[in-house]
C-alpha atoms as a PDB file:
ATOM      1  CA  MET A   1      20.681 187.974 -13.329  1.00  0.00           C
ATOM      2  CA  ARG A   2      20.693 191.338 -10.319  1.00  0.00           C
ATOM      3  CA  ASP A   3      23.954 193.014  -9.848  1.00  0.00           C
ATOM      4  CA  PRO A   4      24.889 192.437  -5.691  1.00  0.00           C
ATOM      5  CA  GLY A   5      27.174 195.710  -5.893  1.00  0.00           C
ATOM      6  CA  LEU A   6      28.828 196.288  -2.642  1.00  0.00           C
ATOM      7  CA  GLN A   7      26.104 194.047   0.018  1.00  0.00           C
ATOM      8  CA  PRO A   8      28.809 191.165  -0.248  1.00  0.00           C
ATOM      9  CA  ALA A   9      31.183 193.427   0.780  1.00  0.00           C
ATOM     10  CA  ARG A  10      29.697 194.718   3.544  1.00  0.00           C
ATOM     11  CA  THR A  11      28.146 191.545   5.170  1.00  0.00           C
ATOM     12  CA  ARG A  12      31.964 190.554   5.222  1.00  0.00           C
ATOM     13  CA  LEU A  13      32.833 193.653   6.872  1.00  0.00           C
ATOM     14  CA  ALA A  14      30.525 193.251   9.446  1.00  0.00           C
ATOM     15  CA  TRP A  15      31.277 189.766  10.427  1.00  0.00           C
ATOM     16  CA  ARG A  16      34.893 190.686  11.035  1.00  0.00           C
ATOM     17  CA  ARG A  17      33.548 193.846  12.941  1.00  0.00           C
ATOM     18  CA  THR A  18      31.605 191.602  15.196  1.00  0.00           C
ATOM     19  CA  THR A  19      34.320 188.833  15.725  1.00  0.00           C
ATOM     20  CA  LEU A  20      36.451 191.606  16.650  1.00  0.00           C
ATOM     21  CA  SER A  21      34.472 193.164  19.112  1.00  0.00           C
ATOM     22  CA  CYS A  22      33.876 189.254  20.329  1.00  0.00           C
ATOM     23  CA  THR A  23      37.366 188.784  20.871  1.00  0.00           C
ATOM     24  CA  VAL A  24      37.819 192.359  22.785  1.00  0.00           C
ATOM     25  CA  ALA A  25      35.168 191.224  24.612  1.00  0.00           C
ATOM     26  CA  ALA A  26      36.404 187.601  25.330  1.00  0.00           C
ATOM     27  CA  VAL A  27      39.965 188.960  26.050  1.00  0.00           C
ATOM     28  CA  LEU A  28      38.845 191.543  28.394  1.00  0.00           C
ATOM     29  CA  ALA A  29      36.551 189.067  30.256  1.00  0.00           C
ATOM     30  CA  THR A  30      39.805 186.966  30.677  1.00  0.00           C
ATOM     31  CA  LYS A  31      41.765 189.996  31.736  1.00  0.00           C
ATOM     32  CA  THR A  32      39.302 190.853  34.296  1.00  0.00           C
ATOM     33  CA  VAL A  33      39.464 186.919  35.667  1.00  0.00           C
ATOM     34  CA  LEU A  34      42.780 186.212  35.771  1.00  0.00           C
ATOM     35  CA  HIS A  35      43.470 189.643  36.982  1.00  0.00           C
ATOM     36  CA  GLY A  36      43.101 188.919  40.732  1.00  0.00           C
ATOM     37  CA  GLY A  37      45.069 185.461  40.780  1.00  0.00           C
ATOM     38  CA  ILE A  38      44.988 182.185  38.965  1.00  0.00           C
ATOM     39  CA  GLY A  39      42.225 180.206  40.893  1.00  0.00           C
ATOM     40  CA  PRO A  40      40.563 177.340  39.794  1.00  0.00           C
ATOM     41  CA  LEU A  41      37.854 179.279  39.556  1.00  0.00           C
ATOM     42  CA  GLY A  42      39.276 181.889  37.471  1.00  0.00           C
ATOM     43  CA  ILE A  43      41.282 178.976  35.107  1.00  0.00           C
ATOM     44  CA  VAL A  44      37.584 177.275  34.636  1.00  0.00           C
ATOM     45  CA  ALA A  45      36.180 180.996  33.350  1.00  0.00           C
ATOM     46  CA  ALA A  46      38.772 181.992  31.449  1.00  0.00           C
ATOM     47  CA  ALA A  47      38.546 179.047  29.397  1.00  0.00           C
ATOM     48  CA  LEU A  48      35.079 179.053  28.750  1.00  0.00           C
ATOM     49  CA  CYS A  49      35.889 182.953  27.500  1.00  0.00           C
ATOM     50  CA  LEU A  50      37.950 181.131  25.226  1.00  0.00           C
ATOM     51  CA  LEU A  51      35.771 177.893  24.332  1.00  0.00           C
ATOM     52  CA  VAL A  52      32.689 180.572  23.434  1.00  0.00           C
ATOM     53  CA  TRP A  53      35.205 183.140  21.516  1.00  0.00           C
ATOM     54  CA  LEU A  54      36.357 180.439  19.801  1.00  0.00           C
ATOM     55  CA  GLY A  55      32.924 179.256  18.555  1.00  0.00           C
ATOM     56  CA  PHE A  56      32.088 182.202  17.588  1.00  0.00           C
ATOM     57  CA  LEU A  57      34.926 182.505  15.780  1.00  0.00           C
ATOM     58  CA  ALA A  58      34.115 179.078  13.559  1.00  0.00           C
ATOM     59  CA  VAL A  59      30.607 180.566  12.591  1.00  0.00           C
ATOM     60  CA  ALA A  60      31.760 183.513  11.464  1.00  0.00           C
ATOM     61  CA  HIS A  61      34.428 182.287   9.842  1.00  0.00           C
ATOM     62  CA  ARG A  62      32.824 180.376   7.761  1.00  0.00           C
ATOM     63  CA  ARG A  63      30.496 182.582   7.086  1.00  0.00           C
ATOM     64  CA  ILE A  64      32.723 185.254   5.864  1.00  0.00           C
ATOM     65  CA  THR A  65      34.142 182.175   3.453  1.00  0.00           C
ATOM     66  CA  ALA A  66      30.459 180.783   1.889  1.00  0.00           C
ATOM     67  CA  LEU A  67      30.352 184.736   0.839  1.00  0.00           C
ATOM     68  CA  ALA A  68      31.158 185.164  -3.033  1.00  0.00           C
ATOM     69  CA  LEU A  69      31.561 189.174  -3.733  1.00  0.00           C
ATOM     70  CA  HIS A  70      30.367 187.808  -7.062  1.00  0.00           C
ATOM     71  CA  GLU A  71      27.032 186.350  -6.162  1.00  0.00           C
ATOM     72  CA  ALA A  72      23.878 188.184  -5.941  1.00  0.00           C
ATOM     73  CA  ALA A  73      23.228 186.664  -2.414  1.00  0.00           C
ATOM     74  CA  PRO A  74      24.858 184.541   0.250  1.00  0.00           C
ATOM     75  CA  PRO A  75      23.571 181.239   0.915  1.00  0.00           C
ATOM     76  CA  PRO A  76      21.532 181.152   3.957  1.00  0.00           C
ATOM     77  CA  LEU A  77      22.491 180.425   7.360  1.00  0.00           C
ATOM     78  CA  SER A  78      22.707 177.028   8.308  1.00  0.00           C
ATOM     79  CA  ARG A  79      20.196 176.688  11.636  1.00  0.00           C
ATOM     80  CA  ARG A  80      22.867 174.900  13.728  1.00  0.00           C
ATOM     81  CA  GLY A  81      25.095 177.951  12.658  1.00  0.00           C
ATOM     82  CA  ALA A  82      22.410 181.079  13.537  1.00  0.00           C
ATOM     83  CA  THR A  83      22.305 178.995  17.015  1.00  0.00           C
ATOM     84  CA  MET A  84      25.887 178.620  17.258  1.00  0.00           C
ATOM     85  CA  ALA A  85      25.957 182.552  16.462  1.00  0.00           C
ATOM     86  CA  ALA A  86      23.584 183.405  18.725  1.00  0.00           C
ATOM     87  CA  LEU A  87      24.142 181.511  21.427  1.00  0.00           C
ATOM     88  CA  CYS A  88      28.258 182.446  21.297  1.00  0.00           C
ATOM     89  CA  THR A  89      26.607 186.426  21.510  1.00  0.00           C
ATOM     90  CA  VAL A  90      24.358 185.896  24.282  1.00  0.00           C
ATOM     91  CA  ALA A  91      27.674 184.694  26.441  1.00  0.00           C
ATOM     92  CA  LEU A  92      29.726 187.212  25.377  1.00  0.00           C
ATOM     93  CA  ALA A  93      26.816 189.922  26.663  1.00  0.00           C
ATOM     94  CA  VAL A  94      26.936 188.004  29.678  1.00  0.00           C
ATOM     95  CA  PHE A  95      30.763 188.450  30.055  1.00  0.00           C
ATOM     96  CA  ALA A  96      30.813 192.028  29.245  1.00  0.00           C
ATOM     97  CA  ALA A  97      27.920 192.119  32.158  1.00  0.00           C
ATOM     98  CA  ALA A  98      29.964 189.874  34.635  1.00  0.00           C
ATOM     99  CA  LEU A  99      32.830 192.735  33.826  1.00  0.00           C
ATOM    100  CA  VAL A 100      30.529 195.958  34.431  1.00  0.00           C
ATOM    101  CA  VAL A 101      29.324 193.846  37.907  1.00  0.00           C
END
């Protein structure tokens, strides 16, 4: 049996850092959208930011809780989970790019 060392702990911390940066992107995007006043488009954009953030948070939470610190390797990420994480990351990147433009 292989000694996992600190790899599971590092992976868990990486998921937490990614979740924190997604949280910051979602909060900044929502703040920017609602800064000019609350209109119908602003409410839809803020709700979309919240929905994408909650989706990524669900995937990250499921992945963090699946990591057992005593196991040599975590269980593989499901295709659905990987797709959801990728789509949420791309959506948050689009929101971040919209902040700049």
